[in-house]
N, C-alpha and C. Protein backbone atom coordinates (compact mmCIF):
# COMPACT_ATOMS: atom_id res chain seq x y z
N UNK A 1 0.81 -1.20 0.00
CA UNK A 1 0.00 0.00 0.00
C UNK A 1 0.85 1.26 0.00
N UNK A 2 1.99 1.18 0.71
CA UNK A 2 2.84 2.36 0.84
C UNK A 2 4.23 1.90 1.16
N UNK A 3 5.24 2.79 1.09
CA UNK A 3 6.59 2.43 1.47
C UNK A 3 6.63 1.92 2.90
N UNK A 4 7.48 0.95 3.14
CA UNK A 4 7.56 0.33 4.45
C UNK A 4 8.63 0.99 5.30
N UNK A 5 8.61 0.82 6.63
CA UNK A 5 9.62 1.38 7.49
C UNK A 5 10.94 0.68 7.30
N UNK A 6 12.02 1.38 7.52
CA UNK A 6 13.33 0.75 7.45
C UNK A 6 13.53 -0.04 8.73
N UNK A 7 13.54 -1.35 8.57
CA UNK A 7 13.68 -2.21 9.73
C UNK A 7 14.65 -3.32 9.40
N UNK A 8 15.23 -3.91 10.42
CA UNK A 8 16.18 -4.99 10.20
C UNK A 8 16.32 -5.80 11.45
N UNK A 9 17.31 -6.70 11.47
CA UNK A 9 17.48 -7.54 12.63
C UNK A 9 17.69 -6.76 13.90
N UNK A 10 18.24 -5.54 13.78
CA UNK A 10 18.49 -4.74 14.96
C UNK A 10 17.38 -3.74 15.23
N UNK A 11 16.31 -3.79 14.42
CA UNK A 11 15.21 -2.87 14.65
C UNK A 11 14.64 -3.11 16.04
N UNK A 12 14.39 -2.04 16.73
CA UNK A 12 13.90 -2.18 18.08
C UNK A 12 14.99 -1.95 19.11
N UNK A 13 16.30 -1.99 18.70
CA UNK A 13 17.37 -1.71 19.62
C UNK A 13 17.59 -0.21 19.64
N UNK A 14 17.95 0.33 20.75
CA UNK A 14 18.16 1.76 20.84
C UNK A 14 19.09 2.06 21.99
N UNK A 15 19.53 3.30 22.10
CA UNK A 15 20.48 3.65 23.13
C UNK A 15 19.90 3.59 24.53
N UNK A 16 18.58 3.71 24.66
CA UNK A 16 17.95 3.74 25.97
C UNK A 16 16.81 2.73 26.01
N UNK A 17 17.00 1.58 26.67
CA UNK A 17 15.94 0.56 26.72
C UNK A 17 14.64 1.09 27.31
N UNK A 18 14.71 2.14 28.13
CA UNK A 18 13.50 2.68 28.74
C UNK A 18 12.56 3.27 27.71
N UNK A 19 13.09 3.59 26.51
CA UNK A 19 12.26 4.18 25.47
C UNK A 19 11.55 3.13 24.62
N UNK A 20 11.93 1.87 24.78
CA UNK A 20 11.32 0.84 23.96
C UNK A 20 9.86 0.60 24.35
N UNK A 21 9.05 0.21 23.35
CA UNK A 21 7.67 -0.12 23.63
C UNK A 21 7.59 -1.46 24.35
N UNK A 22 6.62 -1.59 25.23
CA UNK A 22 6.36 -2.87 25.86
C UNK A 22 5.54 -3.73 24.90
N UNK A 23 5.44 -5.03 25.20
CA UNK A 23 4.66 -5.92 24.32
C UNK A 23 3.20 -5.51 24.33
N UNK A 24 2.71 -5.01 25.47
CA UNK A 24 1.32 -4.58 25.53
C UNK A 24 1.08 -3.35 24.65
N UNK A 25 2.03 -2.44 24.62
CA UNK A 25 1.94 -1.27 23.75
C UNK A 25 1.96 -1.68 22.28
N UNK A 26 2.80 -2.68 21.97
CA UNK A 26 2.84 -3.18 20.59
C UNK A 26 1.51 -3.81 20.19
N UNK A 27 0.91 -4.56 21.09
CA UNK A 27 -0.37 -5.21 20.79
C UNK A 27 -1.46 -4.17 20.52
N UNK A 28 -1.58 -3.17 21.38
CA UNK A 28 -2.63 -2.17 21.17
C UNK A 28 -2.36 -1.36 19.91
N UNK A 29 -1.10 -1.12 19.58
CA UNK A 29 -0.78 -0.36 18.38
C UNK A 29 -1.14 -1.15 17.12
N UNK A 30 -0.85 -2.45 17.13
CA UNK A 30 -1.19 -3.28 15.97
C UNK A 30 -2.70 -3.37 15.80
N UNK A 31 -3.42 -3.46 16.91
CA UNK A 31 -4.88 -3.51 16.83
C UNK A 31 -5.45 -2.20 16.27
N UNK A 32 -4.95 -1.07 16.77
CA UNK A 32 -5.45 0.23 16.31
C UNK A 32 -5.05 0.49 14.86
N UNK A 33 -3.78 0.22 14.53
CA UNK A 33 -3.30 0.46 13.18
C UNK A 33 -4.03 -0.37 12.14
N UNK A 34 -4.25 -1.64 12.45
CA UNK A 34 -4.93 -2.51 11.48
C UNK A 34 -6.41 -2.15 11.35
N UNK A 35 -7.02 -1.68 12.43
CA UNK A 35 -8.42 -1.27 12.35
C UNK A 35 -8.56 -0.04 11.44
N UNK A 36 -7.64 0.91 11.56
CA UNK A 36 -7.67 2.08 10.68
C UNK A 36 -7.52 1.67 9.22
N UNK A 37 -6.59 0.74 8.96
CA UNK A 37 -6.37 0.27 7.59
C UNK A 37 -7.61 -0.45 7.08
N UNK A 38 -8.21 -1.30 7.92
CA UNK A 38 -9.40 -2.05 7.50
C UNK A 38 -10.57 -1.11 7.22
N UNK A 39 -10.69 -0.04 7.99
CA UNK A 39 -11.74 0.95 7.72
C UNK A 39 -11.53 1.59 6.34
N UNK A 40 -10.26 1.89 6.02
CA UNK A 40 -9.96 2.46 4.71
C UNK A 40 -10.31 1.47 3.60
N UNK A 41 -9.97 0.21 3.80
CA UNK A 41 -10.29 -0.83 2.81
C UNK A 41 -11.80 -0.92 2.62
N UNK A 42 -12.56 -0.83 3.71
CA UNK A 42 -14.01 -0.88 3.62
C UNK A 42 -14.55 0.28 2.78
N UNK A 43 -14.00 1.48 2.98
CA UNK A 43 -14.42 2.63 2.18
C UNK A 43 -14.07 2.43 0.72
N UNK A 44 -12.86 1.93 0.46
CA UNK A 44 -12.42 1.71 -0.92
C UNK A 44 -13.32 0.70 -1.63
N UNK A 45 -13.62 -0.40 -0.95
CA UNK A 45 -14.49 -1.42 -1.56
C UNK A 45 -15.87 -0.86 -1.85
N UNK A 46 -16.39 -0.07 -0.93
CA UNK A 46 -17.73 0.51 -1.11
C UNK A 46 -17.77 1.47 -2.29
N UNK A 47 -16.64 2.18 -2.53
CA UNK A 47 -16.59 3.17 -3.61
C UNK A 47 -15.99 2.61 -4.90
N UNK A 48 -15.53 1.35 -4.87
CA UNK A 48 -14.93 0.73 -6.05
C UNK A 48 -13.54 1.23 -6.36
N UNK A 49 -12.79 1.63 -5.32
CA UNK A 49 -11.43 2.14 -5.50
C UNK A 49 -10.42 1.04 -5.17
N UNK A 50 -9.15 1.33 -5.35
CA UNK A 50 -8.09 0.40 -4.99
C UNK A 50 -6.87 1.17 -4.55
N UNK A 51 -5.87 0.47 -4.05
CA UNK A 51 -4.64 1.11 -3.60
C UNK A 51 -3.46 0.43 -4.28
N UNK A 52 -2.25 0.80 -3.88
CA UNK A 52 -1.07 0.18 -4.47
C UNK A 52 -0.62 -1.04 -3.68
N UNK A 53 0.54 -1.57 -4.04
CA UNK A 53 1.12 -2.70 -3.32
C UNK A 53 0.31 -3.97 -3.41
N UNK A 54 0.55 -4.86 -2.46
CA UNK A 54 -0.17 -6.14 -2.46
C UNK A 54 -1.67 -5.94 -2.24
N UNK A 55 -2.04 -4.87 -1.54
CA UNK A 55 -3.47 -4.59 -1.37
C UNK A 55 -4.11 -4.28 -2.72
N UNK A 56 -3.38 -3.58 -3.59
CA UNK A 56 -3.91 -3.30 -4.92
C UNK A 56 -4.16 -4.57 -5.71
N UNK A 57 -3.24 -5.54 -5.58
CA UNK A 57 -3.42 -6.82 -6.25
C UNK A 57 -4.63 -7.55 -5.67
N UNK A 58 -4.80 -7.47 -4.33
CA UNK A 58 -5.95 -8.10 -3.69
C UNK A 58 -7.25 -7.45 -4.14
N UNK A 59 -7.24 -6.12 -4.31
CA UNK A 59 -8.43 -5.44 -4.82
C UNK A 59 -8.78 -5.92 -6.23
N UNK A 60 -7.76 -6.09 -7.07
CA UNK A 60 -8.01 -6.59 -8.43
C UNK A 60 -8.58 -7.99 -8.39
N UNK A 61 -8.06 -8.84 -7.51
CA UNK A 61 -8.60 -10.20 -7.37
C UNK A 61 -10.05 -10.14 -6.90
N UNK A 62 -10.35 -9.18 -6.05
CA UNK A 62 -11.72 -9.01 -5.54
C UNK A 62 -12.67 -8.54 -6.64
N UNK A 63 -12.22 -7.53 -7.41
CA UNK A 63 -13.09 -6.98 -8.44
C UNK A 63 -13.21 -7.89 -9.66
N UNK A 64 -12.09 -8.54 -10.03
CA UNK A 64 -12.09 -9.37 -11.24
C UNK A 64 -12.64 -10.77 -11.00
N UNK A 65 -12.14 -11.39 -9.93
CA UNK A 65 -12.47 -12.80 -9.71
C UNK A 65 -13.49 -13.06 -8.63
N UNK A 66 -13.95 -11.99 -7.95
CA UNK A 66 -14.92 -12.19 -6.89
C UNK A 66 -14.33 -12.78 -5.62
N UNK A 67 -13.00 -12.74 -5.51
CA UNK A 67 -12.34 -13.24 -4.30
C UNK A 67 -12.69 -12.37 -3.11
N UNK A 68 -12.71 -12.97 -1.95
CA UNK A 68 -12.74 -12.19 -0.72
C UNK A 68 -11.46 -11.37 -0.66
N UNK A 69 -11.57 -10.06 -0.39
CA UNK A 69 -10.36 -9.24 -0.29
C UNK A 69 -9.42 -9.78 0.78
N UNK A 70 -9.99 -10.12 1.95
CA UNK A 70 -9.16 -10.57 3.05
C UNK A 70 -8.37 -11.83 2.72
N UNK A 71 -9.02 -12.79 2.10
CA UNK A 71 -8.34 -14.05 1.72
C UNK A 71 -7.25 -13.76 0.70
N UNK A 72 -7.59 -12.98 -0.33
CA UNK A 72 -6.61 -12.66 -1.37
C UNK A 72 -5.42 -11.93 -0.78
N UNK A 73 -5.67 -10.97 0.10
CA UNK A 73 -4.59 -10.18 0.69
C UNK A 73 -3.66 -11.06 1.52
N UNK A 74 -4.23 -11.95 2.31
CA UNK A 74 -3.41 -12.82 3.15
C UNK A 74 -2.56 -13.76 2.30
N UNK A 75 -3.17 -14.37 1.29
CA UNK A 75 -2.46 -15.33 0.43
C UNK A 75 -1.35 -14.65 -0.36
N UNK A 76 -1.62 -13.48 -0.91
CA UNK A 76 -0.62 -12.77 -1.71
C UNK A 76 0.60 -12.41 -0.88
N UNK A 77 0.41 -12.16 0.40
CA UNK A 77 1.53 -11.77 1.27
C UNK A 77 2.39 -12.93 1.73
N UNK A 78 1.90 -14.17 1.58
CA UNK A 78 2.62 -15.32 2.13
C UNK A 78 4.08 -15.43 1.68
N UNK A 79 4.41 -15.24 0.36
CA UNK A 79 5.80 -15.42 -0.05
C UNK A 79 6.77 -14.41 0.55
N UNK A 80 6.26 -13.30 1.07
CA UNK A 80 7.14 -12.23 1.52
C UNK A 80 7.62 -12.41 2.96
N UNK A 81 7.00 -13.32 3.70
CA UNK A 81 7.41 -13.48 5.09
C UNK A 81 8.81 -14.09 5.20
N UNK A 82 9.14 -14.97 4.27
CA UNK A 82 10.48 -15.55 4.29
C UNK A 82 11.53 -14.47 4.10
N UNK A 83 11.27 -13.55 3.17
CA UNK A 83 12.19 -12.43 2.95
C UNK A 83 12.32 -11.57 4.19
N UNK A 84 11.19 -11.29 4.82
CA UNK A 84 11.21 -10.46 6.01
C UNK A 84 11.97 -11.15 7.14
N UNK A 85 11.72 -12.45 7.32
CA UNK A 85 12.39 -13.21 8.40
C UNK A 85 13.91 -13.21 8.19
N UNK A 86 14.31 -13.40 6.96
CA UNK A 86 15.75 -13.52 6.67
C UNK A 86 16.47 -12.19 6.75
N UNK A 87 15.82 -11.12 6.29
CA UNK A 87 16.52 -9.85 6.13
C UNK A 87 16.13 -8.78 7.13
N UNK A 88 15.00 -8.96 7.85
CA UNK A 88 14.53 -7.89 8.73
C UNK A 88 14.31 -8.33 10.16
N UNK A 89 14.51 -9.61 10.41
CA UNK A 89 14.46 -10.06 11.80
C UNK A 89 13.15 -10.70 12.20
N UNK A 90 13.23 -11.47 13.29
CA UNK A 90 12.07 -12.23 13.75
C UNK A 90 10.95 -11.34 14.26
N UNK A 91 11.30 -10.35 15.11
CA UNK A 91 10.26 -9.51 15.71
C UNK A 91 9.47 -8.76 14.64
N UNK A 92 10.19 -8.18 13.69
CA UNK A 92 9.53 -7.45 12.60
C UNK A 92 8.60 -8.37 11.82
N UNK A 93 9.07 -9.58 11.52
CA UNK A 93 8.27 -10.53 10.73
C UNK A 93 7.02 -10.97 11.47
N UNK A 94 7.15 -11.28 12.75
CA UNK A 94 5.99 -11.75 13.52
C UNK A 94 4.95 -10.64 13.68
N UNK A 95 5.41 -9.42 13.92
CA UNK A 95 4.47 -8.29 14.01
C UNK A 95 3.77 -8.06 12.67
N UNK A 96 4.53 -8.18 11.59
CA UNK A 96 3.97 -7.98 10.26
C UNK A 96 2.95 -9.07 9.94
N UNK A 97 3.27 -10.31 10.28
CA UNK A 97 2.33 -11.41 10.06
C UNK A 97 1.03 -11.16 10.83
N UNK A 98 1.15 -10.72 12.08
CA UNK A 98 -0.04 -10.44 12.87
C UNK A 98 -0.85 -9.30 12.26
N UNK A 99 -0.16 -8.26 11.78
CA UNK A 99 -0.86 -7.11 11.20
C UNK A 99 -1.59 -7.50 9.92
N UNK A 100 -0.93 -8.27 9.06
CA UNK A 100 -1.57 -8.69 7.81
C UNK A 100 -2.78 -9.58 8.09
N UNK A 101 -2.63 -10.50 9.04
CA UNK A 101 -3.74 -11.40 9.38
C UNK A 101 -4.93 -10.61 9.91
N UNK A 102 -4.68 -9.60 10.74
CA UNK A 102 -5.76 -8.80 11.29
C UNK A 102 -6.45 -7.97 10.21
N UNK A 103 -5.66 -7.35 9.33
CA UNK A 103 -6.26 -6.58 8.23
C UNK A 103 -7.10 -7.49 7.35
N UNK A 104 -6.59 -8.69 7.06
CA UNK A 104 -7.32 -9.64 6.22
C UNK A 104 -8.66 -10.00 6.84
N UNK A 105 -8.66 -10.25 8.15
CA UNK A 105 -9.90 -10.62 8.83
C UNK A 105 -10.84 -9.42 8.98
N UNK A 106 -10.30 -8.30 9.46
CA UNK A 106 -11.14 -7.13 9.72
C UNK A 106 -11.77 -6.57 8.44
N UNK A 107 -11.05 -6.60 7.34
CA UNK A 107 -11.57 -6.04 6.09
C UNK A 107 -12.77 -6.82 5.57
N UNK A 108 -12.87 -8.11 5.91
CA UNK A 108 -14.04 -8.91 5.54
C UNK A 108 -15.11 -8.89 6.62
N UNK A 109 -14.71 -8.65 7.86
CA UNK A 109 -15.65 -8.66 8.98
C UNK A 109 -16.40 -7.34 9.10
N UNK A 110 -15.72 -6.22 8.89
CA UNK A 110 -16.32 -4.91 9.10
C UNK A 110 -17.58 -4.66 8.26
N UNK A 111 -17.57 -5.00 6.95
CA UNK A 111 -18.77 -4.69 6.16
C UNK A 111 -20.04 -5.36 6.66
N UNK A 112 -19.90 -6.44 7.44
CA UNK A 112 -21.08 -7.10 8.00
C UNK A 112 -21.62 -6.37 9.23
N UNK A 113 -20.83 -5.44 9.75
CA UNK A 113 -21.22 -4.74 10.98
C UNK A 113 -21.19 -3.22 10.81
N UNK A 114 -20.86 -2.75 9.62
CA UNK A 114 -20.79 -1.31 9.34
C UNK A 114 -21.48 -1.06 8.01
N UNK A 115 -22.71 -0.59 8.08
CA UNK A 115 -23.50 -0.35 6.86
C UNK A 115 -23.28 1.08 6.39
N UNK A 116 -22.88 1.24 5.12
CA UNK A 116 -22.68 2.57 4.53
C UNK A 116 -23.69 2.71 3.40
N UNK A 117 -24.73 3.49 3.65
CA UNK A 117 -25.81 3.63 2.67
C UNK A 117 -25.41 4.48 1.48
N UNK A 118 -24.62 5.53 1.73
CA UNK A 118 -24.22 6.44 0.66
C UNK A 118 -22.80 6.92 0.92
N UNK A 119 -21.97 6.92 -0.12
CA UNK A 119 -20.58 7.33 0.05
C UNK A 119 -20.08 7.97 -1.24
N UNK A 120 -19.72 9.24 -1.17
CA UNK A 120 -19.15 9.92 -2.32
C UNK A 120 -17.74 9.37 -2.58
N UNK A 121 -17.42 9.11 -3.84
CA UNK A 121 -16.14 8.49 -4.18
C UNK A 121 -14.96 9.40 -3.82
N UNK A 122 -15.14 10.72 -3.96
CA UNK A 122 -14.07 11.65 -3.59
C UNK A 122 -13.80 11.59 -2.08
N UNK A 123 -14.86 11.54 -1.31
CA UNK A 123 -14.69 11.45 0.15
C UNK A 123 -14.01 10.13 0.51
N UNK A 124 -14.40 9.04 -0.15
CA UNK A 124 -13.78 7.74 0.11
C UNK A 124 -12.28 7.79 -0.19
N UNK A 125 -11.90 8.45 -1.28
CA UNK A 125 -10.49 8.54 -1.66
C UNK A 125 -9.69 9.33 -0.63
N UNK A 126 -10.19 10.49 -0.24
CA UNK A 126 -9.45 11.36 0.68
C UNK A 126 -9.45 10.77 2.09
N UNK A 127 -10.63 10.41 2.59
CA UNK A 127 -10.72 9.86 3.94
C UNK A 127 -10.01 8.52 4.03
N UNK A 128 -10.14 7.69 2.99
CA UNK A 128 -9.44 6.41 2.99
C UNK A 128 -7.94 6.60 3.00
N UNK A 129 -7.43 7.56 2.23
CA UNK A 129 -6.00 7.84 2.22
C UNK A 129 -5.50 8.29 3.58
N UNK A 130 -6.30 9.14 4.26
CA UNK A 130 -5.92 9.62 5.59
C UNK A 130 -5.90 8.46 6.59
N UNK A 131 -6.92 7.63 6.54
CA UNK A 131 -6.98 6.48 7.45
C UNK A 131 -5.81 5.53 7.21
N UNK A 132 -5.52 5.25 5.93
CA UNK A 132 -4.39 4.38 5.61
C UNK A 132 -3.08 4.96 6.13
N UNK A 133 -2.86 6.25 5.86
CA UNK A 133 -1.63 6.89 6.29
C UNK A 133 -1.42 6.81 7.78
N UNK A 134 -2.47 7.09 8.54
CA UNK A 134 -2.35 7.04 10.00
C UNK A 134 -2.22 5.61 10.51
N UNK A 135 -2.89 4.67 9.84
CA UNK A 135 -2.71 3.27 10.21
C UNK A 135 -1.28 2.81 10.01
N UNK A 136 -0.70 3.20 8.88
CA UNK A 136 0.71 2.87 8.62
C UNK A 136 1.62 3.50 9.67
N UNK A 137 1.37 4.75 10.01
CA UNK A 137 2.22 5.44 10.99
C UNK A 137 2.23 4.71 12.33
N UNK A 138 1.05 4.28 12.78
CA UNK A 138 0.97 3.55 14.04
C UNK A 138 1.80 2.26 13.97
N UNK A 139 1.67 1.54 12.86
CA UNK A 139 2.42 0.29 12.70
C UNK A 139 3.92 0.55 12.58
N UNK A 140 4.30 1.56 11.79
CA UNK A 140 5.72 1.87 11.60
C UNK A 140 6.40 2.16 12.94
N UNK A 141 5.72 2.90 13.80
CA UNK A 141 6.34 3.33 15.05
C UNK A 141 6.46 2.19 16.05
N UNK A 142 5.89 1.06 15.72
CA UNK A 142 6.04 -0.13 16.56
C UNK A 142 6.75 -1.24 15.78
N UNK A 143 7.54 -0.83 14.78
CA UNK A 143 8.35 -1.75 14.00
C UNK A 143 7.54 -2.89 13.42
N UNK A 144 6.42 -2.55 12.80
CA UNK A 144 5.60 -3.51 12.08
C UNK A 144 5.26 -2.92 10.73
N UNK A 145 4.75 -3.74 9.84
CA UNK A 145 4.37 -3.26 8.52
C UNK A 145 3.21 -4.12 8.01
N UNK A 146 2.83 -3.88 6.77
CA UNK A 146 1.83 -4.74 6.13
C UNK A 146 2.46 -5.55 5.01
N UNK A 147 3.77 -5.78 5.15
CA UNK A 147 4.48 -6.73 4.30
C UNK A 147 4.45 -6.41 2.83
N UNK A 148 4.49 -7.48 2.02
CA UNK A 148 4.30 -7.35 0.59
C UNK A 148 5.43 -6.71 -0.18
N UNK A 149 5.06 -5.96 -1.20
CA UNK A 149 6.03 -5.41 -2.14
C UNK A 149 6.94 -4.38 -1.51
N UNK A 150 6.51 -3.79 -0.40
CA UNK A 150 7.38 -2.84 0.30
C UNK A 150 8.66 -3.51 0.78
N UNK A 151 8.58 -4.78 1.18
CA UNK A 151 9.76 -5.52 1.61
C UNK A 151 10.72 -5.70 0.43
N UNK A 152 10.17 -6.03 -0.74
CA UNK A 152 11.00 -6.16 -1.94
C UNK A 152 11.68 -4.84 -2.27
N UNK A 153 10.93 -3.74 -2.12
CA UNK A 153 11.49 -2.41 -2.42
C UNK A 153 12.66 -2.09 -1.48
N UNK A 154 12.51 -2.42 -0.19
CA UNK A 154 13.59 -2.18 0.75
C UNK A 154 14.81 -3.03 0.45
N UNK A 155 14.60 -4.28 0.04
CA UNK A 155 15.72 -5.16 -0.30
C UNK A 155 16.43 -4.66 -1.56
N UNK A 156 15.65 -4.16 -2.53
CA UNK A 156 16.26 -3.61 -3.74
C UNK A 156 17.13 -2.40 -3.40
N UNK A 157 16.68 -1.61 -2.44
CA UNK A 157 17.49 -0.47 -2.02
C UNK A 157 18.76 -0.94 -1.31
N UNK A 158 18.62 -1.96 -0.47
CA UNK A 158 19.76 -2.46 0.29
C UNK A 158 20.78 -3.15 -0.59
N UNK A 159 20.31 -3.97 -1.53
CA UNK A 159 21.21 -4.79 -2.34
C UNK A 159 21.68 -4.08 -3.61
N UNK A 160 20.79 -3.30 -4.24
CA UNK A 160 21.11 -2.69 -5.53
C UNK A 160 21.34 -1.19 -5.46
N UNK A 161 21.00 -0.60 -4.34
CA UNK A 161 21.14 0.84 -4.23
C UNK A 161 20.00 1.61 -4.88
N UNK A 162 18.94 0.90 -5.27
CA UNK A 162 17.78 1.56 -5.88
C UNK A 162 16.94 2.18 -4.77
N UNK A 163 16.41 3.37 -5.02
CA UNK A 163 15.56 4.02 -4.04
C UNK A 163 14.29 3.21 -3.82
N UNK A 164 14.02 2.89 -2.55
CA UNK A 164 12.85 2.06 -2.24
C UNK A 164 11.56 2.72 -2.73
N UNK A 165 11.49 4.04 -2.58
CA UNK A 165 10.29 4.74 -3.03
C UNK A 165 10.07 4.62 -4.52
N UNK A 166 11.18 4.65 -5.29
CA UNK A 166 11.07 4.53 -6.74
C UNK A 166 10.63 3.12 -7.14
N UNK A 167 11.17 2.11 -6.46
CA UNK A 167 10.79 0.74 -6.75
C UNK A 167 9.31 0.52 -6.43
N UNK A 168 8.88 1.05 -5.27
CA UNK A 168 7.48 0.93 -4.88
C UNK A 168 6.58 1.64 -5.89
N UNK A 169 7.03 2.80 -6.37
CA UNK A 169 6.25 3.55 -7.35
C UNK A 169 6.10 2.76 -8.65
N UNK A 170 7.17 2.07 -9.05
CA UNK A 170 7.10 1.26 -10.27
C UNK A 170 6.09 0.12 -10.12
N UNK A 171 6.11 -0.54 -8.95
CA UNK A 171 5.12 -1.59 -8.69
C UNK A 171 3.70 -1.03 -8.76
N UNK A 172 3.51 0.11 -8.10
CA UNK A 172 2.17 0.71 -8.06
C UNK A 172 1.71 1.12 -9.45
N UNK A 173 2.63 1.60 -10.28
CA UNK A 173 2.27 1.99 -11.64
C UNK A 173 1.78 0.78 -12.44
N UNK A 174 2.45 -0.37 -12.25
CA UNK A 174 2.02 -1.59 -12.93
C UNK A 174 0.63 -2.03 -12.46
N UNK A 175 0.38 -1.90 -11.17
CA UNK A 175 -0.92 -2.30 -10.62
C UNK A 175 -2.01 -1.38 -11.15
N UNK A 176 -1.73 -0.07 -11.21
CA UNK A 176 -2.71 0.88 -11.74
C UNK A 176 -2.97 0.59 -13.22
N UNK A 177 -1.91 0.27 -13.97
CA UNK A 177 -2.09 -0.04 -15.39
C UNK A 177 -2.97 -1.27 -15.56
N UNK A 178 -2.76 -2.27 -14.70
CA UNK A 178 -3.60 -3.47 -14.77
C UNK A 178 -5.04 -3.14 -14.39
N UNK A 179 -5.20 -2.21 -13.45
CA UNK A 179 -6.55 -1.83 -13.02
C UNK A 179 -7.34 -1.20 -14.14
N UNK A 180 -6.66 -0.53 -15.06
CA UNK A 180 -7.35 0.13 -16.17
C UNK A 180 -8.10 -0.88 -17.05
N UNK A 181 -7.72 -2.16 -16.95
CA UNK A 181 -8.37 -3.18 -17.76
C UNK A 181 -9.75 -3.56 -17.22
N UNK A 182 -10.00 -3.23 -15.95
CA UNK A 182 -11.27 -3.67 -15.35
C UNK A 182 -11.98 -2.59 -14.55
N UNK A 183 -11.23 -1.60 -14.04
CA UNK A 183 -11.82 -0.55 -13.21
C UNK A 183 -12.01 0.71 -14.06
N UNK A 184 -13.17 1.36 -13.99
CA UNK A 184 -13.39 2.58 -14.76
C UNK A 184 -12.31 3.63 -14.51
N UNK A 185 -11.99 4.39 -15.55
CA UNK A 185 -10.91 5.37 -15.48
C UNK A 185 -11.09 6.35 -14.32
N UNK A 186 -12.32 6.80 -14.10
CA UNK A 186 -12.58 7.74 -13.01
C UNK A 186 -12.20 7.14 -11.67
N UNK A 187 -12.51 5.85 -11.48
CA UNK A 187 -12.18 5.18 -10.22
C UNK A 187 -10.67 5.03 -10.06
N UNK A 188 -9.99 4.75 -11.16
CA UNK A 188 -8.53 4.65 -11.10
C UNK A 188 -7.93 6.00 -10.73
N UNK A 189 -8.45 7.08 -11.32
CA UNK A 189 -7.96 8.43 -11.02
C UNK A 189 -8.17 8.76 -9.55
N UNK A 190 -9.32 8.41 -9.01
CA UNK A 190 -9.59 8.66 -7.60
C UNK A 190 -8.71 7.79 -6.70
N UNK A 191 -8.39 6.59 -7.17
CA UNK A 191 -7.48 5.72 -6.42
C UNK A 191 -6.10 6.36 -6.33
N UNK A 192 -5.68 7.00 -7.41
CA UNK A 192 -4.39 7.71 -7.40
C UNK A 192 -4.43 8.85 -6.40
N UNK A 193 -5.55 9.56 -6.33
CA UNK A 193 -5.72 10.62 -5.33
C UNK A 193 -5.55 10.05 -3.93
N UNK A 194 -6.15 8.89 -3.67
CA UNK A 194 -6.04 8.26 -2.36
C UNK A 194 -4.60 7.92 -2.02
N UNK A 195 -3.86 7.40 -3.01
CA UNK A 195 -2.45 7.05 -2.78
C UNK A 195 -1.62 8.30 -2.50
N UNK A 196 -1.92 9.41 -3.21
CA UNK A 196 -1.20 10.66 -2.97
C UNK A 196 -1.46 11.16 -1.55
N UNK A 197 -2.74 11.12 -1.12
CA UNK A 197 -3.07 11.55 0.24
C UNK A 197 -2.36 10.67 1.26
N UNK A 198 -2.38 9.37 1.05
CA UNK A 198 -1.70 8.43 1.93
C UNK A 198 -0.22 8.78 2.09
N UNK A 199 0.46 9.00 0.96
CA UNK A 199 1.90 9.27 1.03
C UNK A 199 2.20 10.64 1.59
N UNK A 200 1.30 11.61 1.41
CA UNK A 200 1.49 12.92 2.04
C UNK A 200 1.43 12.80 3.56
N UNK A 201 0.48 12.01 4.05
CA UNK A 201 0.37 11.79 5.50
C UNK A 201 1.66 11.17 6.03
N UNK A 202 2.17 10.17 5.33
CA UNK A 202 3.39 9.49 5.79
C UNK A 202 4.61 10.40 5.68
N UNK A 203 4.74 11.10 4.56
CA UNK A 203 5.90 11.97 4.36
C UNK A 203 5.94 13.10 5.39
N UNK A 204 4.78 13.57 5.79
CA UNK A 204 4.72 14.68 6.75
C UNK A 204 5.02 14.23 8.17
N UNK A 205 4.65 13.01 8.50
CA UNK A 205 4.71 12.57 9.90
C UNK A 205 5.73 11.50 10.20
N UNK A 206 6.31 10.87 9.19
CA UNK A 206 7.25 9.77 9.43
C UNK A 206 8.64 10.19 8.95
N UNK A 207 9.43 10.74 9.88
CA UNK A 207 10.77 11.18 9.55
C UNK A 207 11.77 10.56 10.51
N UNK A 208 12.87 9.99 9.97
CA UNK A 208 13.86 9.33 10.83
C UNK A 208 14.39 10.29 11.89
N UNK A 209 14.48 9.79 13.13
CA UNK A 209 15.03 10.58 14.21
C UNK A 209 14.02 11.41 14.96
N UNK A 210 12.85 11.64 14.37
CA UNK A 210 11.84 12.47 15.03
C UNK A 210 11.16 11.70 16.15
N UNK A 211 10.99 10.39 15.93
CA UNK A 211 10.30 9.54 16.90
C UNK A 211 11.30 8.53 17.41
N UNK A 212 11.61 8.53 18.71
CA UNK A 212 12.74 7.75 19.22
C UNK A 212 12.34 6.45 19.87
N UNK A 213 11.10 6.29 20.28
CA UNK A 213 10.70 5.05 20.94
C UNK A 213 10.67 3.90 19.95
N UNK A 214 11.00 2.69 20.42
CA UNK A 214 11.03 1.52 19.54
C UNK A 214 10.15 0.42 20.13
């Protein structure tokens, strides 16, 4: 959905152990972050929009093949856990697995308990982007992510020196191009608006060194 936090085997270590998050703080952050993301997914599905990354692929599977978004999202992320475990550490991988599983479940569970009778597509794009951005921020600050193509982008930066943001943008461009085959152009344009809002939220609030707790 968005660029992932820079994390590795040493993620979570810091000069002052007193600043580290407790396991209980991590649990509540993952619950809150994934709920925000699932709310955004619910808005996107209701308005016929999509996002980038593995979530974008899951949206395409949902719109094209009638797959459950949650099932598609969880399955698509499976190959990336090995990469995360090997290159980013156990804690990061386990938190990411928990976050993806929760988003997968919540995104299918919420529509059964949250009825939206009317939703303007522009509002869905902007509000969904804001919810996604803040959900990511909560997860990032507790050394978790939503896995997927963001992990590949970080590895490309580490191994090849390619900018992770540029690699992620290339993936998202391919997903948007594929979406044009099945999603109306107006919906694709609004989906791009949502991605821009999402990344503005992250770029404004997620800066290395500004937030010291791990």
